[in-house]
All heavy atoms as atom14 arrays in JSON, in Angstrom:
{
  "sequence": "DALLAIVQMPPGIPVATVGINAAMNAALLAIQMMATGDKELAKRFA",
  "atom14_mask": [
    [1, 1, 1, 1, 1, 1, 1, 1, 0, 0, 0, 0, 0, 0],
    [1, 1, 1, 1, 1, 0, 0, 0, 0, 0, 0, 0, 0, 0],
    [1, 1, 1, 1, 1, 1, 1, 1, 0, 0, 0, 0, 0, 0],
    [1, 1, 1, 1, 1, 1, 1, 1, 0, 0, 0, 0, 0, 0],
    [1, 1, 1, 1, 1, 0, 0, 0, 0, 0, 0, 0, 0, 0],
    [1, 1, 1, 1, 1, 1, 1, 1, 0, 0, 0, 0, 0, 0],
    [1, 1, 1, 1, 1, 1, 1, 0, 0, 0, 0, 0, 0, 0],
    [1, 1, 1, 1, 1, 1, 1, 1, 1, 0, 0, 0, 0, 0],
    [1, 1, 1, 1, 1, 1, 1, 1, 0, 0, 0, 0, 0, 0],
    [1, 1, 1, 1, 1, 1, 1, 0, 0, 0, 0, 0, 0, 0],
    [1, 1, 1, 1, 1, 1, 1, 0, 0, 0, 0, 0, 0, 0],
    [1, 1, 1, 1, 0, 0, 0, 0, 0, 0, 0, 0, 0, 0],
    [1, 1, 1, 1, 1, 1, 1, 1, 0, 0, 0, 0, 0, 0],
    [1, 1, 1, 1, 1, 1, 1, 0, 0, 0, 0, 0, 0, 0],
    [1, 1, 1, 1, 1, 1, 1, 0, 0, 0, 0, 0, 0, 0],
    [1, 1, 1, 1, 1, 0, 0, 0, 0, 0, 0, 0, 0, 0],
    [1, 1, 1, 1, 1, 1, 1, 0, 0, 0, 0, 0, 0, 0],
    [1, 1, 1, 1, 1, 1, 1, 0, 0, 0, 0, 0, 0, 0],
    [1, 1, 1, 1, 0, 0, 0, 0, 0, 0, 0, 0, 0, 0],
    [1, 1, 1, 1, 1, 1, 1, 1, 0, 0, 0, 0, 0, 0],
    [1, 1, 1, 1, 1, 1, 1, 1, 0, 0, 0, 0, 0, 0],
    [1, 1, 1, 1, 1, 0, 0, 0, 0, 0, 0, 0, 0, 0],
    [1, 1, 1, 1, 1, 0, 0, 0, 0, 0, 0, 0, 0, 0],
    [1, 1, 1, 1, 1, 1, 1, 1, 0, 0, 0, 0, 0, 0],
    [1, 1, 1, 1, 1, 1, 1, 1, 0, 0, 0, 0, 0, 0],
    [1, 1, 1, 1, 1, 0, 0, 0, 0, 0, 0, 0, 0, 0],
    [1, 1, 1, 1, 1, 0, 0, 0, 0, 0, 0, 0, 0, 0],
    [1, 1, 1, 1, 1, 1, 1, 1, 0, 0, 0, 0, 0, 0],
    [1, 1, 1, 1, 1, 1, 1, 1, 0, 0, 0, 0, 0, 0],
    [1, 1, 1, 1, 1, 0, 0, 0, 0, 0, 0, 0, 0, 0],
    [1, 1, 1, 1, 1, 1, 1, 1, 0, 0, 0, 0, 0, 0],
    [1, 1, 1, 1, 1, 1, 1, 1, 1, 0, 0, 0, 0, 0],
    [1, 1, 1, 1, 1, 1, 1, 1, 0, 0, 0, 0, 0, 0],
    [1, 1, 1, 1, 1, 1, 1, 1, 0, 0, 0, 0, 0, 0],
    [1, 1, 1, 1, 1, 0, 0, 0, 0, 0, 0, 0, 0, 0],
    [1, 1, 1, 1, 1, 1, 1, 0, 0, 0, 0, 0, 0, 0],
    [1, 1, 1, 1, 0, 0, 0, 0, 0, 0, 0, 0, 0, 0],
    [1, 1, 1, 1, 1, 1, 1, 1, 0, 0, 0, 0, 0, 0],
    [1, 1, 1, 1, 1, 1, 1, 1, 1, 0, 0, 0, 0, 0],
    [1, 1, 1, 1, 1, 1, 1, 1, 1, 0, 0, 0, 0, 0],
    [1, 1, 1, 1, 1, 1, 1, 1, 0, 0, 0, 0, 0, 0],
    [1, 1, 1, 1, 1, 0, 0, 0, 0, 0, 0, 0, 0, 0],
    [1, 1, 1, 1, 1, 1, 1, 1, 1, 0, 0, 0, 0, 0],
    [1, 1, 1, 1, 1, 1, 1, 1, 1, 1, 1, 0, 0, 0],
    [1, 1, 1, 1, 1, 1, 1, 1, 1, 1, 1, 0, 0, 0],
    [1, 1, 1, 1, 1, 0, 0, 0, 0, 0, 0, 0, 0, 0]
  ],
  "atom14_positions": [
    [[95.76, 25.67, 114.63], [96.9, 24.92, 115.16], [98.09, 25.85, 115.34], [98.74, 25.85, 116.39], [97.25, 23.72, 114.29], [97.38, 24.05, 112.79], [96.95, 25.13, 112.38], [97.93, 23.2, 112.07], [0.0, 0.0, 0.0], [0.0, 0.0, 0.0], [0.0, 0.0, 0.0], [0.0, 0.0, 0.0], [0.0, 0.0, 0.0], [0.0, 0.0, 0.0]],
    [[98.36, 26.69, 114.35], [99.48, 27.64, 114.41], [99.22, 28.69, 115.48], [100.14, 29.02, 116.26], [99.71, 28.28, 113.06], [0.0, 0.0, 0.0], [0.0, 0.0, 0.0], [0.0, 0.0, 0.0], [0.0, 0.0, 0.0], [0.0, 0.0, 0.0], [0.0, 0.0, 0.0], [0.0, 0.0, 0.0], [0.0, 0.0, 0.0], [0.0, 0.0, 0.0]],
    [[98.0, 29.21, 115.57], [97.68, 30.23, 116.55], [97.95, 29.68, 117.97], [98.61, 30.33, 118.77], [96.22, 30.65, 116.41], [95.69, 31.57, 117.52], [96.41, 32.92, 117.47], [94.2, 31.78, 117.36], [0.0, 0.0, 0.0], [0.0, 0.0, 0.0], [0.0, 0.0, 0.0], [0.0, 0.0, 0.0], [0.0, 0.0, 0.0], [0.0, 0.0, 0.0]],
    [[97.43, 28.5, 118.25], [97.62, 27.95, 119.6], [99.08, 27.62, 119.88], [99.55, 27.81, 121.0], [96.73, 26.73, 119.78], [95.22, 27.03, 119.75], [94.4, 25.75, 119.79], [94.83, 27.94, 120.93], [0.0, 0.0, 0.0], [0.0, 0.0, 0.0], [0.0, 0.0, 0.0], [0.0, 0.0, 0.0], [0.0, 0.0, 0.0], [0.0, 0.0, 0.0]],
    [[99.79, 27.12, 118.87], [101.2, 26.8, 119.09], [102.02, 28.04, 119.4], [102.94, 28.0, 120.22], [101.77, 26.1, 117.84], [0.0, 0.0, 0.0], [0.0, 0.0, 0.0], [0.0, 0.0, 0.0], [0.0, 0.0, 0.0], [0.0, 0.0, 0.0], [0.0, 0.0, 0.0], [0.0, 0.0, 0.0], [0.0, 0.0, 0.0], [0.0, 0.0, 0.0]],
    [[101.68, 29.17, 118.78], [102.45, 30.42, 118.99], [102.05, 31.11, 120.28], [102.88, 31.57, 121.05], [102.29, 31.35, 117.79], [102.94, 30.73, 116.53], [102.95, 32.71, 118.07], [102.67, 31.48, 115.24], [0.0, 0.0, 0.0], [0.0, 0.0, 0.0], [0.0, 0.0, 0.0], [0.0, 0.0, 0.0], [0.0, 0.0, 0.0], [0.0, 0.0, 0.0]],
    [[100.76, 31.17, 120.55], [100.29, 31.95, 121.69], [100.53, 31.23, 123.01], [100.72, 31.9, 124.07], [98.81, 32.35, 121.51], [97.86, 31.21, 121.84], [98.47, 33.6, 122.3], [0.0, 0.0, 0.0], [0.0, 0.0, 0.0], [0.0, 0.0, 0.0], [0.0, 0.0, 0.0], [0.0, 0.0, 0.0], [0.0, 0.0, 0.0], [0.0, 0.0, 0.0]],
    [[100.6, 29.92, 123.04], [100.72, 29.17, 124.28], [102.18, 28.87, 124.62], [102.6, 27.74, 124.66], [99.93, 27.84, 124.19], [98.45, 28.03, 124.1], [97.83, 28.53, 125.43], [98.28, 29.48, 126.03], [96.81, 27.84, 125.85], [0.0, 0.0, 0.0], [0.0, 0.0, 0.0], [0.0, 0.0, 0.0], [0.0, 0.0, 0.0], [0.0, 0.0, 0.0]],
    [[102.93, 29.92, 124.89], [104.34, 29.78, 125.21], [104.52, 29.57, 126.72], [103.73, 30.04, 127.51], [105.12, 31.01, 124.76], [105.17, 31.18, 123.25], [105.91, 29.79, 122.41], [107.52, 29.78, 123.13], [0.0, 0.0, 0.0], [0.0, 0.0, 0.0], [0.0, 0.0, 0.0], [0.0, 0.0, 0.0], [0.0, 0.0, 0.0], [0.0, 0.0, 0.0]],
    [[105.61, 28.86, 127.09], [105.83, 28.64, 128.51], [106.28, 29.92, 129.2], [106.78, 30.84, 128.54], [106.96, 27.59, 128.53], [107.64, 27.72, 127.24], [106.59, 28.19, 126.25], [0.0, 0.0, 0.0], [0.0, 0.0, 0.0], [0.0, 0.0, 0.0], [0.0, 0.0, 0.0], [0.0, 0.0, 0.0], [0.0, 0.0, 0.0], [0.0, 0.0, 0.0]],
    [[106.14, 30.0, 130.53], [106.57, 31.18, 131.26], [108.04, 31.51, 130.96], [108.89, 30.62, 130.9], [106.39, 30.79, 132.73], [105.34, 29.72, 132.7], [105.55, 28.97, 131.42], [0.0, 0.0, 0.0], [0.0, 0.0, 0.0], [0.0, 0.0, 0.0], [0.0, 0.0, 0.0], [0.0, 0.0, 0.0], [0.0, 0.0, 0.0], [0.0, 0.0, 0.0]],
    [[108.3, 32.78, 130.75], [109.66, 33.25, 130.51], [110.05, 33.35, 129.04], [111.09, 33.88, 128.69], [0.0, 0.0, 0.0], [0.0, 0.0, 0.0], [0.0, 0.0, 0.0], [0.0, 0.0, 0.0], [0.0, 0.0, 0.0], [0.0, 0.0, 0.0], [0.0, 0.0, 0.0], [0.0, 0.0, 0.0], [0.0, 0.0, 0.0], [0.0, 0.0, 0.0]],
    [[109.2, 32.83, 128.14], [109.48, 32.86, 126.69], [108.26, 33.52, 126.01], [107.5, 32.86, 125.33], [109.74, 31.47, 126.12], [110.73, 30.67, 126.94], [110.22, 31.6, 124.66], [112.14, 31.25, 127.0], [0.0, 0.0, 0.0], [0.0, 0.0, 0.0], [0.0, 0.0, 0.0], [0.0, 0.0, 0.0], [0.0, 0.0, 0.0], [0.0, 0.0, 0.0]],
    [[108.06, 34.84, 126.2], [106.88, 35.47, 125.6], [107.03, 35.65, 124.09], [108.12, 35.93, 123.59], [106.81, 36.82, 126.29], [108.23, 37.12, 126.65], [108.87, 35.79, 126.98], [0.0, 0.0, 0.0], [0.0, 0.0, 0.0], [0.0, 0.0, 0.0], [0.0, 0.0, 0.0], [0.0, 0.0, 0.0], [0.0, 0.0, 0.0], [0.0, 0.0, 0.0]],
    [[105.92, 35.47, 123.4], [105.81, 35.79, 121.98], [104.51, 36.56, 121.84], [103.43, 36.02, 122.09], [105.79, 34.51, 121.09], [105.52, 34.88, 119.65], [107.11, 33.76, 121.22], [0.0, 0.0, 0.0], [0.0, 0.0, 0.0], [0.0, 0.0, 0.0], [0.0, 0.0, 0.0], [0.0, 0.0, 0.0], [0.0, 0.0, 0.0], [0.0, 0.0, 0.0]],
    [[104.61, 37.84, 121.46], [103.4, 38.61, 121.15], [102.78, 37.94, 119.93], [103.51, 37.58, 118.99], [103.76, 40.04, 120.87], [0.0, 0.0, 0.0], [0.0, 0.0, 0.0], [0.0, 0.0, 0.0], [0.0, 0.0, 0.0], [0.0, 0.0, 0.0], [0.0, 0.0, 0.0], [0.0, 0.0, 0.0], [0.0, 0.0, 0.0], [0.0, 0.0, 0.0]],
    [[101.48, 37.77, 119.9], [100.86, 37.03, 118.82], [99.7, 37.83, 118.23], [98.87, 38.32, 118.97], [100.35, 35.65, 119.31], [101.44, 34.98, 119.99], [99.88, 34.8, 118.16], [0.0, 0.0, 0.0], [0.0, 0.0, 0.0], [0.0, 0.0, 0.0], [0.0, 0.0, 0.0], [0.0, 0.0, 0.0], [0.0, 0.0, 0.0], [0.0, 0.0, 0.0]],
    [[99.69, 37.95, 116.91], [98.59, 38.61, 116.23], [97.68, 37.56, 115.65], [97.91, 36.36, 115.78], [99.11, 39.58, 115.16], [99.91, 40.71, 115.79], [99.94, 38.86, 114.11], [0.0, 0.0, 0.0], [0.0, 0.0, 0.0], [0.0, 0.0, 0.0], [0.0, 0.0, 0.0], [0.0, 0.0, 0.0], [0.0, 0.0, 0.0], [0.0, 0.0, 0.0]],
    [[96.62, 37.99, 115.0], [95.67, 37.05, 114.43], [96.24, 36.24, 113.26], [97.3, 36.54, 112.74], [0.0, 0.0, 0.0], [0.0, 0.0, 0.0], [0.0, 0.0, 0.0], [0.0, 0.0, 0.0], [0.0, 0.0, 0.0], [0.0, 0.0, 0.0], [0.0, 0.0, 0.0], [0.0, 0.0, 0.0], [0.0, 0.0, 0.0], [0.0, 0.0, 0.0]],
    [[95.5, 35.24, 112.88], [95.9, 34.34, 111.79], [96.04, 35.16, 110.5], [95.14, 35.93, 110.13], [94.86, 33.22, 111.63], [94.83, 32.36, 112.89], [95.18, 32.37, 110.39], [93.62, 31.46, 113.01], [0.0, 0.0, 0.0], [0.0, 0.0, 0.0], [0.0, 0.0, 0.0], [0.0, 0.0, 0.0], [0.0, 0.0, 0.0], [0.0, 0.0, 0.0]],
    [[97.2, 35.04, 109.88], [97.57, 35.75, 108.63], [97.61, 37.27, 108.79], [97.6, 38.01, 107.82], [96.61, 35.39, 107.49], [96.83, 33.99, 106.97], [97.75, 33.28, 107.4], [95.99, 33.56, 106.07], [0.0, 0.0, 0.0], [0.0, 0.0, 0.0], [0.0, 0.0, 0.0], [0.0, 0.0, 0.0], [0.0, 0.0, 0.0], [0.0, 0.0, 0.0]],
    [[97.68, 37.77, 110.03], [97.62, 39.22, 110.28], [99.0, 39.86, 110.23], [99.43, 40.52, 111.21], [96.91, 39.49, 111.62], [0.0, 0.0, 0.0], [0.0, 0.0, 0.0], [0.0, 0.0, 0.0], [0.0, 0.0, 0.0], [0.0, 0.0, 0.0], [0.0, 0.0, 0.0], [0.0, 0.0, 0.0], [0.0, 0.0, 0.0], [0.0, 0.0, 0.0]],
    [[99.68, 39.72, 109.12], [101.04, 40.22, 108.98], [101.1, 41.75, 109.09], [102.06, 42.3, 109.66], [101.66, 39.76, 107.66], [0.0, 0.0, 0.0], [0.0, 0.0, 0.0], [0.0, 0.0, 0.0], [0.0, 0.0, 0.0], [0.0, 0.0, 0.0], [0.0, 0.0, 0.0], [0.0, 0.0, 0.0], [0.0, 0.0, 0.0], [0.0, 0.0, 0.0]],
    [[100.12, 42.41, 108.56], [100.11, 43.88, 108.65], [100.06, 44.34, 110.1], [100.8, 45.25, 110.49], [98.94, 44.47, 107.85], [98.9, 45.96, 107.87], [97.47, 46.54, 106.93], [97.57, 48.28, 107.25], [0.0, 0.0, 0.0], [0.0, 0.0, 0.0], [0.0, 0.0, 0.0], [0.0, 0.0, 0.0], [0.0, 0.0, 0.0], [0.0, 0.0, 0.0]],
    [[99.2, 43.71, 110.88], [99.12, 44.05, 112.31], [100.46, 43.76, 113.02], [100.84, 44.48, 113.92], [97.99, 43.34, 113.0], [96.68, 44.1, 112.89], [96.65, 45.24, 112.42], [95.59, 43.5, 113.32], [0.0, 0.0, 0.0], [0.0, 0.0, 0.0], [0.0, 0.0, 0.0], [0.0, 0.0, 0.0], [0.0, 0.0, 0.0], [0.0, 0.0, 0.0]],
    [[101.15, 42.71, 112.63], [102.44, 42.41, 113.23], [103.41, 43.56, 112.94], [104.15, 43.99, 113.83], [102.99, 41.08, 112.69], [0.0, 0.0, 0.0], [0.0, 0.0, 0.0], [0.0, 0.0, 0.0], [0.0, 0.0, 0.0], [0.0, 0.0, 0.0], [0.0, 0.0, 0.0], [0.0, 0.0, 0.0], [0.0, 0.0, 0.0], [0.0, 0.0, 0.0]],
    [[103.42, 44.05, 111.73], [104.31, 45.17, 111.38], [103.92, 46.43, 112.16], [104.78, 47.14, 112.66], [104.28, 45.43, 109.88], [0.0, 0.0, 0.0], [0.0, 0.0, 0.0], [0.0, 0.0, 0.0], [0.0, 0.0, 0.0], [0.0, 0.0, 0.0], [0.0, 0.0, 0.0], [0.0, 0.0, 0.0], [0.0, 0.0, 0.0], [0.0, 0.0, 0.0]],
    [[102.62, 46.69, 112.26], [102.18, 47.86, 113.0], [102.54, 47.75, 114.49], [102.94, 48.74, 115.11], [100.66, 48.06, 112.83], [100.27, 48.48, 111.42], [98.74, 48.43, 111.27], [100.81, 49.88, 111.08], [0.0, 0.0, 0.0], [0.0, 0.0, 0.0], [0.0, 0.0, 0.0], [0.0, 0.0, 0.0], [0.0, 0.0, 0.0], [0.0, 0.0, 0.0]],
    [[102.44, 46.55, 115.06], [102.84, 46.34, 116.46], [104.36, 46.56, 116.61], [104.79, 47.18, 117.55], [102.45, 44.95, 116.92], [102.79, 44.58, 118.35], [102.19, 45.58, 119.35], [102.3, 43.15, 118.67], [0.0, 0.0, 0.0], [0.0, 0.0, 0.0], [0.0, 0.0, 0.0], [0.0, 0.0, 0.0], [0.0, 0.0, 0.0], [0.0, 0.0, 0.0]],
    [[105.14, 46.08, 115.65], [106.57, 46.31, 115.7], [106.87, 47.83, 115.64], [107.72, 48.32, 116.39], [107.26, 45.59, 114.51], [0.0, 0.0, 0.0], [0.0, 0.0, 0.0], [0.0, 0.0, 0.0], [0.0, 0.0, 0.0], [0.0, 0.0, 0.0], [0.0, 0.0, 0.0], [0.0, 0.0, 0.0], [0.0, 0.0, 0.0], [0.0, 0.0, 0.0]],
    [[106.15, 48.53, 114.8], [106.33, 49.99, 114.67], [105.99, 50.65, 116.01], [106.71, 51.54, 116.47], [105.48, 50.52, 113.5], [106.07, 50.05, 112.18], [105.41, 52.07, 113.56], [105.14, 50.2, 110.99], [0.0, 0.0, 0.0], [0.0, 0.0, 0.0], [0.0, 0.0, 0.0], [0.0, 0.0, 0.0], [0.0, 0.0, 0.0], [0.0, 0.0, 0.0]],
    [[104.89, 50.25, 116.62], [104.5, 50.83, 117.92], [105.6, 50.57, 118.96], [105.91, 51.46, 119.77], [103.19, 50.22, 118.42], [101.97, 50.8, 117.77], [100.71, 50.21, 118.33], [100.39, 49.07, 118.09], [100.0, 50.99, 119.11], [0.0, 0.0, 0.0], [0.0, 0.0, 0.0], [0.0, 0.0, 0.0], [0.0, 0.0, 0.0], [0.0, 0.0, 0.0]],
    [[106.14, 49.37, 118.98], [107.21, 49.04, 119.93], [108.42, 49.93, 119.72], [108.97, 50.51, 120.68], [107.65, 47.57, 119.78], [106.64, 46.58, 120.25], [107.24, 44.91, 119.85], [106.03, 43.9, 120.69], [0.0, 0.0, 0.0], [0.0, 0.0, 0.0], [0.0, 0.0, 0.0], [0.0, 0.0, 0.0], [0.0, 0.0, 0.0], [0.0, 0.0, 0.0]],
    [[108.82, 50.1, 118.47], [109.99, 50.93, 118.18], [109.71, 52.39, 118.4], [110.62, 53.16, 118.79], [110.46, 50.69, 116.74], [111.01, 49.29, 116.54], [111.67, 49.01, 114.9], [110.28, 49.32, 113.85], [0.0, 0.0, 0.0], [0.0, 0.0, 0.0], [0.0, 0.0, 0.0], [0.0, 0.0, 0.0], [0.0, 0.0, 0.0], [0.0, 0.0, 0.0]],
    [[108.48, 52.82, 118.25], [108.11, 54.23, 118.4], [108.24, 54.69, 119.85], [108.35, 55.91, 120.07], [106.7, 54.47, 117.88], [0.0, 0.0, 0.0], [0.0, 0.0, 0.0], [0.0, 0.0, 0.0], [0.0, 0.0, 0.0], [0.0, 0.0, 0.0], [0.0, 0.0, 0.0], [0.0, 0.0, 0.0], [0.0, 0.0, 0.0], [0.0, 0.0, 0.0]],
    [[108.24, 53.79, 120.79], [108.39, 54.23, 122.19], [109.73, 54.9, 122.44], [109.85, 55.68, 123.37], [108.21, 53.04, 123.19], [109.23, 52.08, 122.95], [106.83, 52.41, 123.06], [0.0, 0.0, 0.0], [0.0, 0.0, 0.0], [0.0, 0.0, 0.0], [0.0, 0.0, 0.0], [0.0, 0.0, 0.0], [0.0, 0.0, 0.0], [0.0, 0.0, 0.0]],
    [[110.72, 54.61, 121.61], [112.02, 55.23, 121.76], [112.45, 56.05, 120.55], [113.63, 56.34, 120.36], [0.0, 0.0, 0.0], [0.0, 0.0, 0.0], [0.0, 0.0, 0.0], [0.0, 0.0, 0.0], [0.0, 0.0, 0.0], [0.0, 0.0, 0.0], [0.0, 0.0, 0.0], [0.0, 0.0, 0.0], [0.0, 0.0, 0.0], [0.0, 0.0, 0.0]],
    [[111.49, 56.4, 119.69], [111.79, 57.08, 118.43], [110.69, 58.1, 118.17], [109.62, 57.75, 117.66], [111.89, 56.04, 117.31], [112.25, 56.62, 115.95], [111.95, 57.79, 115.67], [112.83, 55.86, 115.12], [0.0, 0.0, 0.0], [0.0, 0.0, 0.0], [0.0, 0.0, 0.0], [0.0, 0.0, 0.0], [0.0, 0.0, 0.0], [0.0, 0.0, 0.0]],
    [[110.92, 59.36, 118.52], [109.89, 60.4, 118.43], [109.41, 60.63, 117.0], [108.22, 60.86, 116.78], [110.38, 61.7, 119.05], [110.52, 61.63, 120.54], [110.89, 62.95, 121.13], [111.07, 62.74, 122.63], [110.99, 63.94, 123.37], [0.0, 0.0, 0.0], [0.0, 0.0, 0.0], [0.0, 0.0, 0.0], [0.0, 0.0, 0.0], [0.0, 0.0, 0.0]],
    [[110.3, 60.57, 116.02], [109.89, 60.73, 114.62], [108.94, 59.64, 114.19], [107.93, 59.88, 113.55], [111.13, 60.8, 113.72], [110.73, 60.98, 112.25], [111.94, 60.83, 111.32], [113.02, 61.25, 111.67], [111.72, 60.29, 110.22], [0.0, 0.0, 0.0], [0.0, 0.0, 0.0], [0.0, 0.0, 0.0], [0.0, 0.0, 0.0], [0.0, 0.0, 0.0]],
    [[109.32, 58.4, 114.55], [108.46, 57.26, 114.22], [107.12, 57.35, 114.95], [106.07, 57.04, 114.37], [109.18, 55.94, 114.51], [108.48, 54.67, 114.09], [108.13, 54.66, 112.6], [109.34, 53.46, 114.44], [0.0, 0.0, 0.0], [0.0, 0.0, 0.0], [0.0, 0.0, 0.0], [0.0, 0.0, 0.0], [0.0, 0.0, 0.0], [0.0, 0.0, 0.0]],
    [[107.16, 57.8, 116.2], [105.92, 57.95, 116.97], [104.99, 58.94, 116.28], [103.79, 58.73, 116.23], [106.24, 58.37, 118.38], [0.0, 0.0, 0.0], [0.0, 0.0, 0.0], [0.0, 0.0, 0.0], [0.0, 0.0, 0.0], [0.0, 0.0, 0.0], [0.0, 0.0, 0.0], [0.0, 0.0, 0.0], [0.0, 0.0, 0.0], [0.0, 0.0, 0.0]],
    [[105.56, 60.01, 115.75], [104.74, 61.03, 115.04], [104.14, 60.43, 113.76], [102.94, 60.62, 113.47], [105.63, 62.23, 114.7], [105.02, 63.23, 113.72], [103.97, 64.11, 114.38], [103.54, 65.25, 113.48], [102.41, 64.99, 112.65], [0.0, 0.0, 0.0], [0.0, 0.0, 0.0], [0.0, 0.0, 0.0], [0.0, 0.0, 0.0], [0.0, 0.0, 0.0]],
    [[104.94, 59.71, 113.01], [104.41, 59.07, 111.78], [103.33, 58.06, 112.11], [102.34, 57.95, 111.38], [105.53, 58.42, 110.99], [106.45, 59.41, 110.33], [107.43, 58.78, 109.38], [108.05, 57.63, 110.05], [109.22, 57.14, 109.75], [109.92, 57.62, 108.76], [109.73, 56.12, 110.39], [0.0, 0.0, 0.0], [0.0, 0.0, 0.0], [0.0, 0.0, 0.0]],
    [[103.5, 57.33, 113.2], [102.47, 56.35, 113.61], [101.2, 57.07, 114.03], [100.09, 56.64, 113.68], [103.0, 55.41, 114.69], [102.05, 54.27, 114.94], [101.99, 53.21, 114.06], [101.21, 54.27, 116.03], [101.12, 52.15, 114.25], [100.32, 53.23, 116.24], [100.27, 52.17, 115.35], [0.0, 0.0, 0.0], [0.0, 0.0, 0.0], [0.0, 0.0, 0.0]],
    [[101.35, 58.14, 114.77], [100.17, 58.95, 115.18], [99.44, 59.48, 113.95], [98.2, 59.46, 113.91], [100.58, 60.07, 116.1], [0.0, 0.0, 0.0], [0.0, 0.0, 0.0], [0.0, 0.0, 0.0], [0.0, 0.0, 0.0], [0.0, 0.0, 0.0], [0.0, 0.0, 0.0], [0.0, 0.0, 0.0], [0.0, 0.0, 0.0], [0.0, 0.0, 0.0]]
  ]
}
């Protein structure tokens, strides 16, 4: 129920969605997003 409620957003209101209880992946995705503009973080992620 939570997965479908989060992933099925209307056009113009995107929410990136990870798996059920996948908090670690959410943090890793956040890190990847931030690493696009942060070379030091990109190196640590690599």
